[in-house]
């Protein structure tokens, strides 16, 4: 009897802020990627660095809980032994933590996904930091803004994902729109 190949183990690390939004952030890209990894046959574990830091910090002051979030991530990696770690705006996770994970688990692949515009300043600095510690980094910004980060590591474009279990509206089905285009974001 043949056994099926083992399912890849994916550890998604990023914001969820379940405590802050109480489930109203259901449309976040993190959830869509989780759903996609599961549909592709992966075993997915989710870790929110922000939630852990908030929970373990005195007076919920997140910077004081960052050290615990990093330690808990290392502990979770030891338990789950993921094949892939996907970092999504996991700003509290340090390069030292990533180095420790790579030292203990040299076969793990680490990718990062960045959703905000790479418009210089803090957003670009954040993306560059993750590009330097990941095997590959993806951004929803393309072109010259993305190419400028190629010296930090392997970078690529990824469009904002659509998940039919989340995006259930059919705006295109109506014929009486006041506007043909709507953008809800920052320039």
N, C-alpha and C. Protein backbone atom coordinates (compact mmCIF):
# COMPACT_ATOMS: atom_id res chain seq x y z
N UNK A 1 0.83 -1.18 0.00
CA UNK A 1 0.00 0.00 0.00
C UNK A 1 0.88 1.25 0.00
N UNK A 2 0.64 2.13 -0.94
CA UNK A 2 1.40 3.35 -1.00
C UNK A 2 0.78 4.41 -0.11
N UNK A 3 1.65 5.11 0.57
CA UNK A 3 1.19 6.22 1.39
C UNK A 3 1.29 7.50 0.56
N UNK A 4 0.35 8.41 0.76
CA UNK A 4 0.45 9.68 0.03
C UNK A 4 1.68 10.45 0.49
N UNK A 5 2.22 11.28 -0.38
CA UNK A 5 3.39 12.08 0.04
C UNK A 5 2.99 12.99 1.19
N UNK A 6 3.96 13.28 2.05
CA UNK A 6 3.62 14.15 3.18
C UNK A 6 3.22 15.55 2.71
N UNK A 7 2.28 16.13 3.41
CA UNK A 7 1.83 17.48 3.08
C UNK A 7 2.91 18.45 3.50
N UNK A 8 3.20 19.44 2.65
CA UNK A 8 4.15 20.48 3.07
C UNK A 8 3.60 21.23 4.27
N UNK A 9 4.47 21.56 5.18
CA UNK A 9 4.07 22.33 6.37
C UNK A 9 4.46 23.79 6.16
N UNK A 10 3.47 24.66 6.25
CA UNK A 10 3.68 26.09 6.04
C UNK A 10 3.37 26.81 7.34
N UNK A 11 4.28 27.66 7.76
CA UNK A 11 4.06 28.50 8.94
C UNK A 11 3.88 29.93 8.46
N UNK A 12 2.66 30.46 8.60
CA UNK A 12 2.37 31.85 8.25
C UNK A 12 2.63 32.70 9.47
N UNK A 13 3.47 33.69 9.31
CA UNK A 13 3.83 34.57 10.42
C UNK A 13 3.46 35.99 10.02
N UNK A 14 2.54 36.56 10.75
CA UNK A 14 2.15 37.92 10.42
C UNK A 14 1.00 38.41 11.27
N UNK A 15 0.57 39.57 10.93
CA UNK A 15 -0.46 40.23 11.71
C UNK A 15 -1.78 39.49 11.58
N UNK A 16 -2.56 39.54 12.58
CA UNK A 16 -3.95 39.10 12.49
C UNK A 16 -4.78 40.07 13.29
N UNK A 17 -4.23 40.47 14.41
CA UNK A 17 -4.91 41.40 15.31
C UNK A 17 -6.34 40.95 15.59
N UNK A 18 -6.48 39.65 15.87
CA UNK A 18 -7.78 39.11 16.22
C UNK A 18 -8.37 39.84 17.41
N UNK A 19 -7.51 40.20 18.33
CA UNK A 19 -8.01 40.88 19.52
C UNK A 19 -8.42 42.31 19.22
N UNK A 20 -7.80 42.93 18.25
CA UNK A 20 -8.09 44.33 17.94
C UNK A 20 -9.34 44.47 17.06
N UNK A 21 -9.46 43.62 16.06
CA UNK A 21 -10.54 43.77 15.09
C UNK A 21 -11.73 42.83 15.32
N UNK A 22 -11.60 41.86 16.19
CA UNK A 22 -12.67 40.93 16.53
C UNK A 22 -13.32 40.30 15.29
N UNK A 23 -12.51 39.82 14.39
CA UNK A 23 -13.02 39.10 13.23
C UNK A 23 -13.38 39.95 12.04
N UNK A 24 -13.31 41.27 12.14
CA UNK A 24 -13.70 42.11 11.00
C UNK A 24 -12.59 42.23 9.96
N UNK A 25 -11.45 41.62 10.21
CA UNK A 25 -10.33 41.66 9.29
C UNK A 25 -10.28 40.37 8.47
N UNK A 26 -11.46 39.76 8.26
CA UNK A 26 -11.55 38.47 7.60
C UNK A 26 -11.04 38.49 6.17
N UNK A 27 -11.02 39.64 5.54
CA UNK A 27 -10.62 39.77 4.14
C UNK A 27 -9.12 39.96 3.96
N UNK A 28 -8.36 39.97 5.04
CA UNK A 28 -6.92 40.23 4.96
C UNK A 28 -6.22 39.20 4.08
N UNK A 29 -5.18 39.65 3.41
CA UNK A 29 -4.43 38.79 2.50
C UNK A 29 -3.86 37.58 3.23
N UNK A 30 -3.51 37.73 4.49
CA UNK A 30 -3.00 36.60 5.27
C UNK A 30 -3.98 35.44 5.24
N UNK A 31 -5.26 35.73 5.41
CA UNK A 31 -6.27 34.68 5.41
C UNK A 31 -6.42 34.05 4.02
N UNK A 32 -6.32 34.89 2.99
CA UNK A 32 -6.44 34.38 1.63
C UNK A 32 -5.27 33.46 1.29
N UNK A 33 -4.06 33.84 1.70
CA UNK A 33 -2.90 32.97 1.47
C UNK A 33 -3.04 31.67 2.26
N UNK A 34 -3.51 31.77 3.50
CA UNK A 34 -3.73 30.56 4.29
C UNK A 34 -4.69 29.63 3.56
N UNK A 35 -5.81 30.18 3.10
CA UNK A 35 -6.79 29.36 2.38
C UNK A 35 -6.18 28.73 1.13
N UNK A 36 -5.38 29.50 0.39
CA UNK A 36 -4.74 28.97 -0.81
C UNK A 36 -3.75 27.86 -0.52
N UNK A 37 -2.93 28.05 0.51
CA UNK A 37 -1.99 26.99 0.90
C UNK A 37 -2.74 25.71 1.29
N UNK A 38 -3.84 25.86 2.01
CA UNK A 38 -4.62 24.69 2.42
C UNK A 38 -5.23 24.00 1.20
N UNK A 39 -5.80 24.78 0.30
CA UNK A 39 -6.39 24.19 -0.91
C UNK A 39 -5.33 23.47 -1.75
N UNK A 40 -4.09 23.93 -1.69
CA UNK A 40 -3.01 23.30 -2.44
C UNK A 40 -2.46 22.06 -1.73
N UNK A 41 -3.03 21.73 -0.57
CA UNK A 41 -2.64 20.51 0.12
C UNK A 41 -1.62 20.69 1.23
N UNK A 42 -1.39 21.91 1.66
CA UNK A 42 -0.41 22.15 2.72
C UNK A 42 -1.07 22.11 4.09
N UNK A 43 -0.27 21.74 5.07
CA UNK A 43 -0.67 21.87 6.46
C UNK A 43 -0.21 23.25 6.89
N UNK A 44 -1.15 24.10 7.36
CA UNK A 44 -0.82 25.49 7.65
C UNK A 44 -1.00 25.78 9.13
N UNK A 45 0.00 26.41 9.70
CA UNK A 45 -0.05 26.89 11.08
C UNK A 45 0.13 28.40 11.01
N UNK A 46 -0.62 29.10 11.84
CA UNK A 46 -0.65 30.56 11.79
C UNK A 46 -0.12 31.12 13.09
N UNK A 47 0.77 32.09 13.01
CA UNK A 47 1.37 32.72 14.18
C UNK A 47 1.30 34.23 14.01
N UNK A 48 0.66 34.92 14.93
CA UNK A 48 0.59 36.38 14.87
C UNK A 48 1.58 36.97 15.86
N UNK A 49 2.67 37.55 15.33
CA UNK A 49 3.67 38.17 16.19
C UNK A 49 3.05 39.31 17.00
N UNK A 50 2.15 40.05 16.42
CA UNK A 50 1.54 41.18 17.12
C UNK A 50 0.63 40.73 18.26
N UNK A 51 -0.18 39.72 18.00
CA UNK A 51 -1.07 39.23 19.06
C UNK A 51 -0.26 38.67 20.23
N UNK A 52 0.78 37.91 19.93
CA UNK A 52 1.61 37.33 20.99
C UNK A 52 2.29 38.44 21.78
N UNK A 53 2.85 39.42 21.08
CA UNK A 53 3.52 40.53 21.77
C UNK A 53 2.55 41.31 22.64
N UNK A 54 1.36 41.59 22.11
CA UNK A 54 0.36 42.33 22.89
C UNK A 54 -0.03 41.56 24.14
N UNK A 55 -0.24 40.26 23.98
CA UNK A 55 -0.69 39.42 25.09
C UNK A 55 0.36 39.34 26.20
N UNK A 56 1.61 39.30 25.83
CA UNK A 56 2.68 39.11 26.81
C UNK A 56 3.33 40.40 27.30
N UNK A 57 2.84 41.54 26.86
CA UNK A 57 3.46 42.81 27.23
C UNK A 57 2.71 43.46 28.39
N UNK A 58 3.46 44.04 29.32
CA UNK A 58 2.80 44.82 30.37
C UNK A 58 1.99 45.96 29.75
N UNK A 59 0.79 46.11 30.18
CA UNK A 59 -0.11 47.16 29.70
C UNK A 59 -0.33 47.08 28.18
N UNK A 60 -0.12 45.89 27.62
CA UNK A 60 -0.31 45.65 26.19
C UNK A 60 0.53 46.59 25.32
N UNK A 61 1.68 47.02 25.86
CA UNK A 61 2.59 47.87 25.11
C UNK A 61 3.47 46.95 24.26
N UNK A 62 3.13 46.85 22.99
CA UNK A 62 3.68 45.87 22.06
C UNK A 62 5.20 45.77 22.06
N UNK A 63 5.96 46.85 22.06
CA UNK A 63 7.43 46.70 22.01
C UNK A 63 7.98 45.87 23.18
N UNK A 64 7.31 45.90 24.33
CA UNK A 64 7.79 45.11 25.46
C UNK A 64 7.51 43.62 25.29
N UNK A 65 6.60 43.27 24.39
CA UNK A 65 6.30 41.86 24.16
C UNK A 65 7.01 41.28 22.95
N UNK A 66 7.75 42.09 22.23
CA UNK A 66 8.42 41.63 21.01
C UNK A 66 9.41 40.51 21.29
N UNK A 67 10.15 40.61 22.36
CA UNK A 67 11.12 39.56 22.69
C UNK A 67 10.43 38.22 22.91
N UNK A 68 9.30 38.25 23.59
CA UNK A 68 8.54 37.01 23.81
C UNK A 68 8.01 36.46 22.49
N UNK A 69 7.53 37.34 21.62
CA UNK A 69 7.02 36.89 20.32
C UNK A 69 8.12 36.17 19.53
N UNK A 70 9.34 36.68 19.55
CA UNK A 70 10.45 36.03 18.86
C UNK A 70 10.77 34.67 19.48
N UNK A 71 10.77 34.60 20.79
CA UNK A 71 11.04 33.32 21.47
C UNK A 71 9.94 32.30 21.18
N UNK A 72 8.69 32.75 21.16
CA UNK A 72 7.56 31.85 20.88
C UNK A 72 7.61 31.35 19.44
N UNK A 73 8.06 32.21 18.52
CA UNK A 73 8.19 31.76 17.13
C UNK A 73 9.23 30.65 17.02
N UNK A 74 10.37 30.84 17.66
CA UNK A 74 11.40 29.80 17.63
C UNK A 74 10.85 28.50 18.22
N UNK A 75 10.13 28.60 19.31
CA UNK A 75 9.52 27.42 19.95
C UNK A 75 8.53 26.75 19.00
N UNK A 76 7.72 27.53 18.30
CA UNK A 76 6.75 26.96 17.37
C UNK A 76 7.43 26.28 16.20
N UNK A 77 8.50 26.87 15.70
CA UNK A 77 9.25 26.26 14.60
C UNK A 77 9.82 24.91 15.05
N UNK A 78 10.31 24.84 16.28
CA UNK A 78 10.82 23.57 16.81
C UNK A 78 9.71 22.50 16.85
N UNK A 79 8.51 22.91 17.17
CA UNK A 79 7.39 21.98 17.28
C UNK A 79 6.86 21.56 15.92
N UNK A 80 6.63 22.52 15.04
CA UNK A 80 5.99 22.27 13.76
C UNK A 80 6.96 21.76 12.71
N UNK A 81 8.22 22.20 12.77
CA UNK A 81 9.24 21.88 11.77
C UNK A 81 8.71 22.17 10.36
N UNK A 82 8.42 23.44 10.08
CA UNK A 82 7.83 23.78 8.78
C UNK A 82 8.81 23.61 7.63
N UNK A 83 8.25 23.39 6.45
CA UNK A 83 9.04 23.37 5.22
C UNK A 83 9.22 24.79 4.70
N UNK A 84 8.20 25.62 4.93
CA UNK A 84 8.20 27.00 4.46
C UNK A 84 7.71 27.90 5.58
N UNK A 85 8.38 29.02 5.76
CA UNK A 85 7.89 30.08 6.66
C UNK A 85 7.59 31.28 5.77
N UNK A 86 6.36 31.76 5.86
CA UNK A 86 5.92 32.91 5.07
C UNK A 86 5.71 34.08 6.02
N UNK A 87 6.55 35.09 5.90
CA UNK A 87 6.48 36.29 6.75
C UNK A 87 5.65 37.35 6.04
N UNK A 88 4.64 37.85 6.73
CA UNK A 88 3.79 38.90 6.16
C UNK A 88 3.73 40.06 7.14
N UNK A 89 4.50 41.08 6.89
CA UNK A 89 4.52 42.26 7.76
C UNK A 89 4.78 41.86 9.21
N UNK A 90 5.61 40.88 9.40
CA UNK A 90 5.96 40.39 10.74
C UNK A 90 7.06 41.28 11.30
N UNK A 91 6.72 42.53 11.52
CA UNK A 91 7.72 43.53 11.88
C UNK A 91 8.42 43.27 13.20
N UNK A 92 7.81 42.53 14.09
CA UNK A 92 8.41 42.28 15.40
C UNK A 92 9.45 41.16 15.36
N UNK A 93 9.46 40.39 14.28
CA UNK A 93 10.40 39.28 14.16
C UNK A 93 11.75 39.84 13.70
N UNK A 94 12.78 39.53 14.45
CA UNK A 94 14.10 40.10 14.19
C UNK A 94 14.93 39.22 13.24
N UNK A 95 15.94 39.85 12.66
CA UNK A 95 16.89 39.11 11.83
C UNK A 95 17.60 38.05 12.64
N UNK A 96 17.85 38.32 13.92
CA UNK A 96 18.49 37.33 14.80
C UNK A 96 17.62 36.09 14.97
N UNK A 97 16.32 36.29 15.05
CA UNK A 97 15.41 35.15 15.17
C UNK A 97 15.42 34.33 13.90
N UNK A 98 15.40 34.99 12.75
CA UNK A 98 15.46 34.28 11.47
C UNK A 98 16.78 33.51 11.37
N UNK A 99 17.88 34.12 11.77
CA UNK A 99 19.18 33.44 11.76
C UNK A 99 19.16 32.20 12.67
N UNK A 100 18.56 32.32 13.84
CA UNK A 100 18.48 31.18 14.76
C UNK A 100 17.66 30.05 14.15
N UNK A 101 16.56 30.40 13.49
CA UNK A 101 15.73 29.39 12.83
C UNK A 101 16.52 28.71 11.72
N UNK A 102 17.20 29.48 10.91
CA UNK A 102 17.99 28.90 9.81
C UNK A 102 19.11 28.00 10.33
N UNK A 103 19.72 28.39 11.45
CA UNK A 103 20.80 27.58 12.03
C UNK A 103 20.26 26.21 12.47
N UNK A 104 19.11 26.20 13.10
CA UNK A 104 18.52 24.94 13.61
C UNK A 104 17.83 24.14 12.52
N UNK A 105 17.30 24.83 11.50
CA UNK A 105 16.53 24.18 10.43
C UNK A 105 17.03 24.68 9.08
N UNK A 106 18.19 24.24 8.64
CA UNK A 106 18.79 24.80 7.42
C UNK A 106 17.98 24.53 6.15
N UNK A 107 17.09 23.56 6.15
CA UNK A 107 16.32 23.23 4.95
C UNK A 107 15.06 24.07 4.79
N UNK A 108 14.66 24.80 5.84
CA UNK A 108 13.44 25.59 5.76
C UNK A 108 13.61 26.73 4.75
N UNK A 109 12.60 26.96 3.96
CA UNK A 109 12.58 28.08 3.02
C UNK A 109 11.80 29.21 3.66
N UNK A 110 12.34 30.41 3.58
CA UNK A 110 11.69 31.57 4.18
C UNK A 110 11.37 32.56 3.08
N UNK A 111 10.09 32.88 2.97
CA UNK A 111 9.65 33.88 2.01
C UNK A 111 8.96 35.01 2.77
N UNK A 112 8.92 36.16 2.15
CA UNK A 112 8.17 37.26 2.74
C UNK A 112 7.25 37.85 1.67
N UNK A 113 6.10 38.31 2.14
CA UNK A 113 5.12 38.93 1.26
C UNK A 113 4.81 40.29 1.85
N UNK A 114 4.95 41.32 1.02
CA UNK A 114 4.75 42.69 1.47
C UNK A 114 3.62 43.31 0.66
N UNK A 115 2.65 43.87 1.36
CA UNK A 115 1.42 44.32 0.72
C UNK A 115 1.32 45.81 0.47
N UNK A 116 2.11 46.61 1.13
CA UNK A 116 1.99 48.06 1.00
C UNK A 116 2.85 48.57 -0.15
N UNK A 117 2.52 49.78 -0.60
CA UNK A 117 3.28 50.39 -1.69
C UNK A 117 4.73 50.63 -1.26
N UNK A 118 5.65 50.35 -2.16
CA UNK A 118 7.07 50.60 -1.92
C UNK A 118 7.38 52.01 -2.38
N UNK A 119 6.98 52.97 -1.59
CA UNK A 119 7.07 54.38 -1.99
C UNK A 119 8.23 55.11 -1.33
N UNK A 120 9.22 54.38 -0.88
CA UNK A 120 10.35 55.01 -0.20
C UNK A 120 10.09 55.12 1.29
N UNK A 121 11.10 55.57 2.02
CA UNK A 121 10.95 55.75 3.46
C UNK A 121 10.72 54.44 4.19
N UNK A 122 9.87 54.48 5.20
CA UNK A 122 9.64 53.32 6.06
C UNK A 122 9.15 52.08 5.30
N UNK A 123 8.18 52.21 4.36
CA UNK A 123 7.76 51.00 3.64
C UNK A 123 8.91 50.33 2.90
N UNK A 124 9.73 51.11 2.23
CA UNK A 124 10.86 50.53 1.51
C UNK A 124 11.88 49.91 2.46
N UNK A 125 12.12 50.56 3.58
CA UNK A 125 13.05 50.01 4.58
C UNK A 125 12.54 48.68 5.12
N UNK A 126 11.26 48.60 5.38
CA UNK A 126 10.67 47.35 5.89
C UNK A 126 10.84 46.22 4.87
N UNK A 127 10.50 46.50 3.62
CA UNK A 127 10.62 45.49 2.58
C UNK A 127 12.06 45.04 2.41
N UNK A 128 13.00 45.99 2.39
CA UNK A 128 14.41 45.67 2.22
C UNK A 128 14.91 44.79 3.37
N UNK A 129 14.46 45.07 4.59
CA UNK A 129 14.86 44.26 5.75
C UNK A 129 14.43 42.81 5.56
N UNK A 130 13.20 42.60 5.10
CA UNK A 130 12.74 41.23 4.90
C UNK A 130 13.40 40.58 3.68
N UNK A 131 13.65 41.35 2.64
CA UNK A 131 14.32 40.81 1.46
C UNK A 131 15.72 40.30 1.81
N UNK A 132 16.37 40.97 2.75
CA UNK A 132 17.72 40.57 3.14
C UNK A 132 17.75 39.29 3.96
N UNK A 133 16.64 38.94 4.61
CA UNK A 133 16.64 37.74 5.47
C UNK A 133 15.85 36.58 4.88
N UNK A 134 15.19 36.79 3.74
CA UNK A 134 14.34 35.75 3.15
C UNK A 134 15.01 35.13 1.93
N UNK A 135 14.55 33.93 1.58
CA UNK A 135 15.02 33.30 0.34
C UNK A 135 14.42 34.02 -0.87
N UNK A 136 13.20 34.51 -0.73
CA UNK A 136 12.54 35.29 -1.77
C UNK A 136 11.54 36.21 -1.10
N UNK A 137 11.40 37.42 -1.66
CA UNK A 137 10.46 38.40 -1.12
C UNK A 137 9.56 38.88 -2.24
N UNK A 138 8.28 38.94 -1.95
CA UNK A 138 7.30 39.35 -2.94
C UNK A 138 6.58 40.60 -2.46
N UNK A 139 6.29 41.49 -3.40
CA UNK A 139 5.58 42.72 -3.08
C UNK A 139 4.45 42.92 -4.07
N UNK A 140 3.42 43.63 -3.63
CA UNK A 140 2.30 43.95 -4.51
C UNK A 140 2.59 45.21 -5.32
N UNK A 141 3.80 45.71 -5.22
CA UNK A 141 4.28 46.82 -6.04
C UNK A 141 5.26 46.24 -7.06
N UNK A 142 5.15 46.68 -8.30
CA UNK A 142 6.04 46.16 -9.35
C UNK A 142 6.89 47.30 -9.91
N UNK A 143 7.58 47.02 -10.97
CA UNK A 143 8.32 48.04 -11.70
C UNK A 143 9.58 48.50 -11.00
N UNK A 144 9.92 49.76 -11.25
CA UNK A 144 11.16 50.33 -10.74
C UNK A 144 11.21 50.34 -9.22
N UNK A 145 10.07 50.57 -8.56
CA UNK A 145 10.04 50.59 -7.09
C UNK A 145 10.45 49.24 -6.52
N UNK A 146 10.06 48.16 -7.18
CA UNK A 146 10.45 46.82 -6.73
C UNK A 146 11.89 46.51 -7.14
N UNK A 147 12.24 46.83 -8.36
CA UNK A 147 13.60 46.55 -8.86
C UNK A 147 14.68 47.22 -8.02
N UNK A 148 14.34 48.34 -7.42
CA UNK A 148 15.32 49.05 -6.58
C UNK A 148 15.77 48.22 -5.39
N UNK A 149 15.03 47.17 -5.06
CA UNK A 149 15.36 46.33 -3.90
C UNK A 149 16.06 45.03 -4.28
N UNK A 150 16.34 44.84 -5.55
CA UNK A 150 16.96 43.59 -6.00
C UNK A 150 18.34 43.38 -5.39
N UNK A 151 19.00 44.43 -4.96
CA UNK A 151 20.32 44.27 -4.34
C UNK A 151 20.21 43.69 -2.92
N UNK A 152 19.03 43.73 -2.32
CA UNK A 152 18.85 43.20 -0.97
C UNK A 152 18.61 41.70 -0.97
N UNK A 153 18.10 41.16 -2.08
CA UNK A 153 17.79 39.74 -2.15
C UNK A 153 16.92 39.46 -3.36
N UNK A 154 16.43 38.23 -3.45
CA UNK A 154 15.56 37.84 -4.55
C UNK A 154 14.18 38.45 -4.32
N UNK A 155 13.74 39.30 -5.25
CA UNK A 155 12.45 39.98 -5.10
C UNK A 155 11.59 39.71 -6.33
N UNK A 156 10.28 39.74 -6.11
CA UNK A 156 9.35 39.52 -7.21
C UNK A 156 8.00 40.13 -6.92
N UNK A 157 7.22 40.27 -7.96
CA UNK A 157 5.88 40.85 -7.86
C UNK A 157 4.86 39.75 -7.59
N UNK A 158 3.89 40.05 -6.74
CA UNK A 158 2.76 39.16 -6.53
C UNK A 158 1.51 40.05 -6.50
N UNK A 159 0.50 39.72 -7.29
CA UNK A 159 -0.71 40.53 -7.24
C UNK A 159 -1.48 40.26 -5.95
N UNK A 160 -2.33 41.19 -5.58
CA UNK A 160 -3.19 40.94 -4.44
C UNK A 160 -4.07 39.73 -4.76
N UNK A 161 -4.07 38.74 -3.89
CA UNK A 161 -4.84 37.53 -4.20
C UNK A 161 -6.35 37.74 -4.06
N UNK A 162 -7.06 36.96 -4.82
CA UNK A 162 -8.52 36.91 -4.73
C UNK A 162 -8.87 35.52 -4.23
N UNK A 163 -9.76 35.44 -3.28
CA UNK A 163 -10.21 34.16 -2.73
C UNK A 163 -11.72 34.14 -2.79
N UNK A 164 -12.27 33.23 -3.57
CA UNK A 164 -13.72 33.20 -3.77
C UNK A 164 -14.49 32.90 -2.49
N UNK A 165 -13.81 32.35 -1.50
CA UNK A 165 -14.51 32.13 -0.23
C UNK A 165 -14.58 33.41 0.60
N UNK A 166 -13.83 34.45 0.20
CA UNK A 166 -13.83 35.74 0.89
C UNK A 166 -14.53 36.79 0.05
N UNK A 167 -14.10 36.94 -1.21
CA UNK A 167 -14.72 37.93 -2.10
C UNK A 167 -15.98 37.33 -2.70
N UNK A 168 -17.09 37.60 -2.09
CA UNK A 168 -18.35 37.01 -2.51
C UNK A 168 -19.26 37.99 -3.24
N UNK A 169 -18.90 39.25 -3.25
CA UNK A 169 -19.73 40.25 -3.92
C UNK A 169 -19.55 40.14 -5.44
N UNK A 170 -20.53 40.53 -6.16
CA UNK A 170 -20.49 40.51 -7.62
C UNK A 170 -20.85 41.88 -8.16
N UNK A 171 -20.01 42.86 -7.89
CA UNK A 171 -20.28 44.23 -8.31
C UNK A 171 -20.44 44.33 -9.82
N UNK A 172 -19.75 43.48 -10.57
CA UNK A 172 -19.84 43.52 -12.02
C UNK A 172 -21.21 43.11 -12.54
N UNK A 173 -22.00 42.43 -11.71
CA UNK A 173 -23.32 41.96 -12.14
C UNK A 173 -24.35 43.09 -12.19
N UNK A 174 -24.14 44.16 -11.47
CA UNK A 174 -25.06 45.30 -11.49
C UNK A 174 -24.76 46.19 -12.69
N UNK A 175 -25.77 46.85 -13.19
CA UNK A 175 -25.58 47.69 -14.38
C UNK A 175 -25.78 49.17 -14.11
N UNK A 176 -26.00 49.55 -12.87
CA UNK A 176 -26.30 50.94 -12.56
C UNK A 176 -25.30 51.57 -11.61
N UNK A 177 -24.02 51.37 -11.85
CA UNK A 177 -22.98 51.95 -11.01
C UNK A 177 -22.81 53.43 -11.27
N UNK A 178 -22.59 54.20 -10.21
CA UNK A 178 -22.26 55.61 -10.36
C UNK A 178 -20.81 55.79 -10.79
N UNK A 179 -19.96 54.83 -10.44
CA UNK A 179 -18.53 54.90 -10.76
C UNK A 179 -18.10 53.60 -11.41
N UNK A 180 -17.16 53.73 -12.34
CA UNK A 180 -16.60 52.54 -12.98
C UNK A 180 -15.40 52.00 -12.23
N UNK A 181 -14.79 52.84 -11.39
CA UNK A 181 -13.57 52.44 -10.70
C UNK A 181 -13.59 53.02 -9.30
N UNK A 182 -13.15 52.21 -8.35
CA UNK A 182 -13.06 52.67 -6.95
C UNK A 182 -11.77 52.12 -6.38
N UNK A 183 -10.95 52.99 -5.79
CA UNK A 183 -9.70 52.57 -5.17
C UNK A 183 -9.74 52.99 -3.70
N UNK A 184 -9.63 52.02 -2.82
CA UNK A 184 -9.63 52.30 -1.38
C UNK A 184 -8.23 52.06 -0.86
N UNK A 185 -7.41 53.06 -0.90
CA UNK A 185 -6.03 52.88 -0.46
C UNK A 185 -5.33 54.22 -0.37
N UNK A 186 -4.06 54.14 -0.17
CA UNK A 186 -3.25 55.35 -0.07
C UNK A 186 -2.49 55.55 -1.39
N UNK A 187 -2.24 56.80 -1.77
CA UNK A 187 -1.47 57.01 -3.01
C UNK A 187 -0.05 56.53 -2.84
